[in-house]
Amino acid sequence: MAMRLARSNQTGKVSYGTEAGLFQQMGVPTVILGPGDIAEAHRPNEFVALDQLAKCESFVKRIFSTGYAA
């Protein structure tokens, strides 16, 4: 579902940690998402480009329109 809503057919790996693996172990399907580039996050002068915020907003709206987020 996430790939369909993201209008992408790509997956990838990242070099940071989240609690998503714990949720997956409990049987809760989990997607990690957010705007921006991880290379620009969590460091001095971090930022998120406005076009990335707009893309994230569109994606979140698509999630809510499915009813899955209710």
PDB file of N, CA and C in Angstrom:
ATOM      1  N   MET A   1       0.819  -1.178   0.000  1.00  0.00           N
ATOM      2  CA  MET A   1       0.000   0.000   0.000  1.00  0.00           C
ATOM      3  C   MET A   1       0.871   1.253   0.000  1.00  0.00           C
ATOM      4  N   ALA A   2       1.916   1.284   0.829  1.00  0.00           N
ATOM      5  CA  ALA A   2       2.757   2.480   0.907  1.00  0.00           C
ATOM      6  C   ALA A   2       3.395   2.813  -0.437  1.00  0.00           C
ATOM      7  N   MET A   3       3.849   1.794  -1.140  1.00  0.00           N
ATOM      8  CA  MET A   3       4.486   2.047  -2.427  1.00  0.00           C
ATOM      9  C   MET A   3       3.477   2.579  -3.435  1.00  0.00           C
ATOM     10  N   ARG A   4       2.258   2.053  -3.390  1.00  0.00           N
ATOM     11  CA  ARG A   4       1.219   2.552  -4.298  1.00  0.00           C
ATOM     12  C   ARG A   4       0.910   4.009  -3.982  1.00  0.00           C
ATOM     13  N   LEU A   5       0.757   4.328  -2.695  1.00  0.00           N
ATOM     14  CA  LEU A   5       0.439   5.701  -2.306  1.00  0.00           C
ATOM     15  C   LEU A   5       1.600   6.654  -2.575  1.00  0.00           C
ATOM     16  N   ALA A   6       2.820   6.147  -2.480  1.00  0.00           N
ATOM     17  CA  ALA A   6       3.997   6.974  -2.764  1.00  0.00           C
ATOM     18  C   ALA A   6       4.229   7.137  -4.254  1.00  0.00           C
ATOM     19  N   ARG A   7       3.455   6.354  -5.035  1.00  0.00           N
ATOM     20  CA  ARG A   7       3.615   6.362  -6.496  1.00  0.00           C
ATOM     21  C   ARG A   7       5.049   6.024  -6.880  1.00  0.00           C
ATOM     22  N   SER A   8       5.568   5.002  -6.185  1.00  0.00           N
ATOM     23  CA  SER A   8       6.939   4.557  -6.404  1.00  0.00           C
ATOM     24  C   SER A   8       6.975   3.040  -6.343  1.00  0.00           C
ATOM     25  N   ASN A   9       7.929   2.467  -7.012  1.00  0.00           N
ATOM     26  CA  ASN A   9       8.107   1.028  -6.971  1.00  0.00           C
ATOM     27  C   ASN A   9       9.504   0.703  -6.456  1.00  0.00           C
ATOM     28  N   GLN A  10      10.064   1.612  -5.645  1.00  0.00           N
ATOM     29  CA  GLN A  10      11.421   1.443  -5.159  1.00  0.00           C
ATOM     30  C   GLN A  10      11.433   1.314  -3.644  1.00  0.00           C
ATOM     31  N   THR A  11      12.316   0.472  -3.155  1.00  0.00           N
ATOM     32  CA  THR A  11      12.589   0.393  -1.726  1.00  0.00           C
ATOM     33  C   THR A  11      14.069   0.674  -1.538  1.00  0.00           C
ATOM     34  N   GLY A  12      14.462   0.935  -0.326  1.00  0.00           N
ATOM     35  CA  GLY A  12      15.866   1.211  -0.080  1.00  0.00           C
ATOM     36  C   GLY A  12      16.242   0.916   1.355  1.00  0.00           C
ATOM     37  N   LYS A  13      17.496   1.045   1.637  1.00  0.00           N
ATOM     38  CA  LYS A  13      18.018   0.848   2.982  1.00  0.00           C
ATOM     39  C   LYS A  13      18.547   2.177   3.496  1.00  0.00           C
ATOM     40  N   VAL A  14      18.488   2.335   4.797  1.00  0.00           N
ATOM     41  CA  VAL A  14      18.983   3.554   5.429  1.00  0.00           C
ATOM     42  C   VAL A  14      19.925   3.182   6.564  1.00  0.00           C
ATOM     43  N   SER A  15      20.769   4.115   6.945  1.00  0.00           N
ATOM     44  CA  SER A  15      21.750   3.840   7.994  1.00  0.00           C
ATOM     45  C   SER A  15      21.401   4.565   9.289  1.00  0.00           C
ATOM     46  N   TYR A  16      20.146   4.492   9.684  1.00  0.00           N
ATOM     47  CA  TYR A  16      19.729   5.038  10.967  1.00  0.00           C
ATOM     48  C   TYR A  16      18.711   4.091  11.576  1.00  0.00           C
ATOM     49  N   GLY A  17      18.432   4.255  12.843  1.00  0.00           N
ATOM     50  CA  GLY A  17      17.545   3.325  13.528  1.00  0.00           C
ATOM     51  C   GLY A  17      16.220   3.951  13.925  1.00  0.00           C
ATOM     52  N   THR A  18      15.203   3.109  13.996  1.00  0.00           N
ATOM     53  CA  THR A  18      13.882   3.503  14.473  1.00  0.00           C
ATOM     54  C   THR A  18      13.316   2.325  15.271  1.00  0.00           C
ATOM     55  N   GLU A  19      12.152   2.521  15.839  1.00  0.00           N
ATOM     56  CA  GLU A  19      11.469   1.440  16.538  1.00  0.00           C
ATOM     57  C   GLU A  19      10.616   0.597  15.586  1.00  0.00           C
ATOM     58  N   ALA A  20      10.681   0.881  14.293  1.00  0.00           N
ATOM     59  CA  ALA A  20       9.843   0.181  13.326  1.00  0.00           C
ATOM     60  C   ALA A  20      10.031  -1.331  13.387  1.00  0.00           C
ATOM     61  N   GLY A  21      11.245  -1.790  13.597  1.00  0.00           N
ATOM     62  CA  GLY A  21      11.501  -3.227  13.680  1.00  0.00           C
ATOM     63  C   GLY A  21      10.745  -3.874  14.827  1.00  0.00           C
ATOM     64  N   LEU A  22      10.611  -3.160  15.938  1.00  0.00           N
ATOM     65  CA  LEU A  22       9.854  -3.693  17.076  1.00  0.00           C
ATOM     66  C   LEU A  22       8.385  -3.848  16.719  1.00  0.00           C
ATOM     67  N   PHE A  23       7.831  -2.869  16.033  1.00  0.00           N
ATOM     68  CA  PHE A  23       6.435  -2.964  15.602  1.00  0.00           C
ATOM     69  C   PHE A  23       6.254  -4.115  14.618  1.00  0.00           C
ATOM     70  N   GLN A  24       7.195  -4.254  13.687  1.00  0.00           N
ATOM     71  CA  GLN A  24       7.126  -5.347  12.720  1.00  0.00           C
ATOM     72  C   GLN A  24       7.132  -6.699  13.433  1.00  0.00           C
ATOM     73  N   GLN A  25       7.970  -6.841  14.464  1.00  0.00           N
ATOM     74  CA  GLN A  25       8.029  -8.092  15.221  1.00  0.00           C
ATOM     75  C   GLN A  25       6.699  -8.410  15.900  1.00  0.00           C
ATOM     76  N   MET A  26       5.928  -7.373  16.243  1.00  0.00           N
ATOM     77  CA  MET A  26       4.621  -7.568  16.874  1.00  0.00           C
ATOM     78  C   MET A  26       3.517  -7.761  15.845  1.00  0.00           C
ATOM     79  N   GLY A  27       3.884  -7.774  14.560  1.00  0.00           N
ATOM     80  CA  GLY A  27       2.896  -7.981  13.509  1.00  0.00           C
ATOM     81  C   GLY A  27       2.210  -6.718  13.031  1.00  0.00           C
ATOM     82  N   VAL A  28       2.763  -5.558  13.373  1.00  0.00           N
ATOM     83  CA  VAL A  28       2.182  -4.287  12.950  1.00  0.00           C
ATOM     84  C   VAL A  28       2.930  -3.811  11.699  1.00  0.00           C
ATOM     85  N   PRO A  29       2.251  -3.784  10.549  1.00  0.00           N
ATOM     86  CA  PRO A  29       2.928  -3.278   9.344  1.00  0.00           C
ATOM     87  C   PRO A  29       3.422  -1.851   9.575  1.00  0.00           C
ATOM     88  N   THR A  30       4.646  -1.589   9.192  1.00  0.00           N
ATOM     89  CA  THR A  30       5.278  -0.320   9.534  1.00  0.00           C
ATOM     90  C   THR A  30       5.964   0.300   8.322  1.00  0.00           C
ATOM     91  N   VAL A  31       5.785   1.605   8.171  1.00  0.00           N
ATOM     92  CA  VAL A  31       6.444   2.364   7.113  1.00  0.00           C
ATOM     93  C   VAL A  31       7.125   3.555   7.773  1.00  0.00           C
ATOM     94  N   ILE A  32       8.351   3.803   7.404  1.00  0.00           N
ATOM     95  CA  ILE A  32       9.088   4.967   7.902  1.00  0.00           C
ATOM     96  C   ILE A  32       9.073   5.999   6.783  1.00  0.00           C
ATOM     97  N   LEU A  33       8.616   7.208   7.100  1.00  0.00           N
ATOM     98  CA  LEU A  33       8.575   8.223   6.059  1.00  0.00           C
ATOM     99  C   LEU A  33       8.753   9.604   6.650  1.00  0.00           C
ATOM    100  N   GLY A  34       9.062  10.511   5.790  1.00  0.00           N
ATOM    101  CA  GLY A  34       9.193  11.902   6.183  1.00  0.00           C
ATOM    102  C   GLY A  34       9.811  12.700   5.064  1.00  0.00           C
ATOM    103  N   PRO A  35       9.664  14.010   5.141  1.00  0.00           N
ATOM    104  CA  PRO A  35      10.217  14.857   4.086  1.00  0.00           C
ATOM    105  C   PRO A  35      11.717  15.033   4.241  1.00  0.00           C
ATOM    106  N   GLY A  36      12.353  15.401   3.161  1.00  0.00           N
ATOM    107  CA  GLY A  36      13.751  15.782   3.207  1.00  0.00           C
ATOM    108  C   GLY A  36      14.712  14.651   2.924  1.00  0.00           C
ATOM    109  N   ASP A  37      15.966  14.968   3.087  1.00  0.00           N
ATOM    110  CA  ASP A  37      17.070  14.048   2.826  1.00  0.00           C
ATOM    111  C   ASP A  37      17.764  13.785   4.153  1.00  0.00           C
ATOM    112  N   ILE A  38      17.948  12.526   4.515  1.00  0.00           N
ATOM    113  CA  ILE A  38      18.576  12.197   5.794  1.00  0.00           C
ATOM    114  C   ILE A  38      19.987  12.774   5.894  1.00  0.00           C
ATOM    115  N   ALA A  39      20.635  13.009   4.764  1.00  0.00           N
ATOM    116  CA  ALA A  39      21.971  13.602   4.780  1.00  0.00           C
ATOM    117  C   ALA A  39      21.942  15.045   5.288  1.00  0.00           C
ATOM    118  N   GLU A  40      20.772  15.671   5.259  1.00  0.00           N
ATOM    119  CA  GLU A  40      20.644  17.064   5.707  1.00  0.00           C
ATOM    120  C   GLU A  40      19.991  17.171   7.080  1.00  0.00           C
ATOM    121  N   ALA A  41      19.647  16.035   7.679  1.00  0.00           N
ATOM    122  CA  ALA A  41      18.901  16.042   8.938  1.00  0.00           C
ATOM    123  C   ALA A  41      19.812  15.807  10.142  1.00  0.00           C
ATOM    124  N   HIS A  42      19.355  16.298  11.285  1.00  0.00           N
ATOM    125  CA  HIS A  42      20.006  16.040  12.575  1.00  0.00           C
ATOM    126  C   HIS A  42      21.471  16.458  12.603  1.00  0.00           C
ATOM    127  N   ARG A  43      21.731  17.622  12.078  1.00  0.00           N
ATOM    128  CA  ARG A  43      23.081  18.191  12.090  1.00  0.00           C
ATOM    129  C   ARG A  43      22.952  19.715  12.103  1.00  0.00           C
ATOM    130  N   PRO A  44      24.026  20.426  12.349  1.00  0.00           N
ATOM    131  CA  PRO A  44      23.931  21.889  12.345  1.00  0.00           C
ATOM    132  C   PRO A  44      23.334  22.396  11.034  1.00  0.00           C
ATOM    133  N   ASN A  45      22.486  23.388  11.149  1.00  0.00           N
ATOM    134  CA  ASN A  45      21.841  24.022   9.998  1.00  0.00           C
ATOM    135  C   ASN A  45      20.977  23.059   9.183  1.00  0.00           C
ATOM    136  N   GLU A  46      20.386  22.081   9.870  1.00  0.00           N
ATOM    137  CA  GLU A  46      19.524  21.146   9.139  1.00  0.00           C
ATOM    138  C   GLU A  46      18.355  21.892   8.516  1.00  0.00           C
ATOM    139  N   PHE A  47      17.813  21.335   7.447  1.00  0.00           N
ATOM    140  CA  PHE A  47      16.696  21.983   6.766  1.00  0.00           C
ATOM    141  C   PHE A  47      15.915  20.953   5.960  1.00  0.00           C
ATOM    142  N   VAL A  48      14.711  21.333   5.594  1.00  0.00           N
ATOM    143  CA  VAL A  48      13.879  20.544   4.685  1.00  0.00           C
ATOM    144  C   VAL A  48      13.429  21.501   3.589  1.00  0.00           C
ATOM    145  N   ALA A  49      13.700  21.134   2.357  1.00  0.00           N
ATOM    146  CA  ALA A  49      13.315  21.976   1.225  1.00  0.00           C
ATOM    147  C   ALA A  49      11.789  22.028   1.108  1.00  0.00           C
ATOM    148  N   LEU A  50      11.277  23.172   0.702  1.00  0.00           N
ATOM    149  CA  LEU A  50       9.824  23.347   0.596  1.00  0.00           C
ATOM    150  C   LEU A  50       9.180  22.348  -0.360  1.00  0.00           C
ATOM    151  N   ASP A  51       9.865  22.004  -1.447  1.00  0.00           N
ATOM    152  CA  ASP A  51       9.273  21.023  -2.367  1.00  0.00           C
ATOM    153  C   ASP A  51       9.156  19.654  -1.713  1.00  0.00           C
ATOM    154  N   GLN A  52      10.083  19.324  -0.807  1.00  0.00           N
ATOM    155  CA  GLN A  52       9.991  18.060  -0.077  1.00  0.00           C
ATOM    156  C   GLN A  52       8.811  18.070   0.892  1.00  0.00           C
ATOM    157  N   LEU A  53       8.565  19.210   1.546  1.00  0.00           N
ATOM    158  CA  LEU A  53       7.394  19.323   2.427  1.00  0.00           C
ATOM    159  C   LEU A  53       6.106  19.165   1.633  1.00  0.00           C
ATOM    160  N   ALA A  54       6.059  19.752   0.449  1.00  0.00           N
ATOM    161  CA  ALA A  54       4.863  19.641  -0.393  1.00  0.00           C
ATOM    162  C   ALA A  54       4.625  18.194  -0.814  1.00  0.00           C
ATOM    163  N   LYS A  55       5.694  17.479  -1.181  1.00  0.00           N
ATOM    164  CA  LYS A  55       5.555  16.067  -1.557  1.00  0.00           C
ATOM    165  C   LYS A  55       5.064  15.239  -0.376  1.00  0.00           C
ATOM    166  N   CYS A  56       5.591  15.518   0.813  1.00  0.00           N
ATOM    167  CA  CYS A  56       5.165  14.790   2.010  1.00  0.00           C
ATOM    168  C   CYS A  56       3.699  15.082   2.324  1.00  0.00           C
ATOM    169  N   GLU A  57       3.311  16.325   2.195  1.00  0.00           N
ATOM    170  CA  GLU A  57       1.918  16.694   2.433  1.00  0.00           C
ATOM    171  C   GLU A  57       0.984  15.933   1.488  1.00  0.00           C
ATOM    172  N   SER A  58       1.346  15.863   0.228  1.00  0.00           N
ATOM    173  CA  SER A  58       0.526  15.131  -0.746  1.00  0.00           C
ATOM    174  C   SER A  58       0.427  13.654  -0.377  1.00  0.00           C
ATOM    175  N   PHE A  59       1.534  13.066   0.048  1.00  0.00           N
ATOM    176  CA  PHE A  59       1.543  11.655   0.427  1.00  0.00           C
ATOM    177  C   PHE A  59       0.642  11.419   1.639  1.00  0.00           C
ATOM    178  N   VAL A  60       0.766  12.266   2.648  1.00  0.00           N
ATOM    179  CA  VAL A  60      -0.066  12.107   3.849  1.00  0.00           C
ATOM    180  C   VAL A  60      -1.540  12.277   3.500  1.00  0.00           C
ATOM    181  N   LYS A  61      -1.864  13.200   2.628  1.00  0.00           N
ATOM    182  CA  LYS A  61      -3.256  13.363   2.198  1.00  0.00           C
ATOM    183  C   LYS A  61      -3.764  12.099   1.512  1.00  0.00           C
ATOM    184  N   ARG A  62      -2.911  11.456   0.701  1.00  0.00           N
ATOM    185  CA  ARG A  62      -3.322  10.210   0.060  1.00  0.00           C
ATOM    186  C   ARG A  62      -3.561   9.118   1.100  1.00  0.00           C
ATOM    187  N   ILE A  63      -2.731   9.075   2.154  1.00  0.00           N
ATOM    188  CA  ILE A  63      -2.941   8.091   3.225  1.00  0.00           C
ATOM    189  C   ILE A  63      -4.303   8.315   3.868  1.00  0.00           C
ATOM    190  N   PHE A  64      -4.610   9.552   4.234  1.00  0.00           N
ATOM    191  CA  PHE A  64      -5.886   9.840   4.893  1.00  0.00           C
ATOM    192  C   PHE A  64      -7.074   9.568   3.965  1.00  0.00           C
ATOM    193  N   SER A  65      -6.894   9.770   2.684  1.00  0.00           N
ATOM    194  CA  SER A  65      -8.018   9.554   1.760  1.00  0.00           C
ATOM    195  C   SER A  65      -8.360   8.068   1.616  1.00  0.00           C
ATOM    196  N   THR A  66      -7.432   7.165   1.979  1.00  0.00           N
ATOM    197  CA  THR A  66      -7.724   5.737   1.888  1.00  0.00           C
ATOM    198  C   THR A  66      -8.592   5.239   3.034  1.00  0.00           C
ATOM    199  N   GLY A  67      -8.592   5.960   4.149  1.00  0.00           N
ATOM    200  CA  GLY A  67      -9.325   5.499   5.320  1.00  0.00           C
ATOM    201  C   GLY A  67      -8.493   4.635   6.245  1.00  0.00           C
ATOM    202  N   TYR A  68      -7.284   4.252   5.823  1.00  0.00           N
ATOM    203  CA  TYR A  68      -6.412   3.419   6.668  1.00  0.00           C
ATOM    204  C   TYR A  68      -5.956   4.146   7.915  1.00  0.00           C
ATOM    205  N   ALA A  69      -5.887   5.464   7.867  1.00  0.00           N
ATOM    206  CA  ALA A  69      -5.379   6.232   8.994  1.00  0.00           C
ATOM    207  C   ALA A  69      -6.459   6.520  10.033  1.00  0.00           C
ATOM    208  N   ALA A  70      -7.682   6.111   9.787  1.00  0.00           N
ATOM    209  CA  ALA A  70      -8.783   6.404  10.718  1.00  0.00           C
ATOM    210  C   ALA A  70      -8.739   5.515  11.939  1.00  0.00           C
TER     211      ALA A  70
END
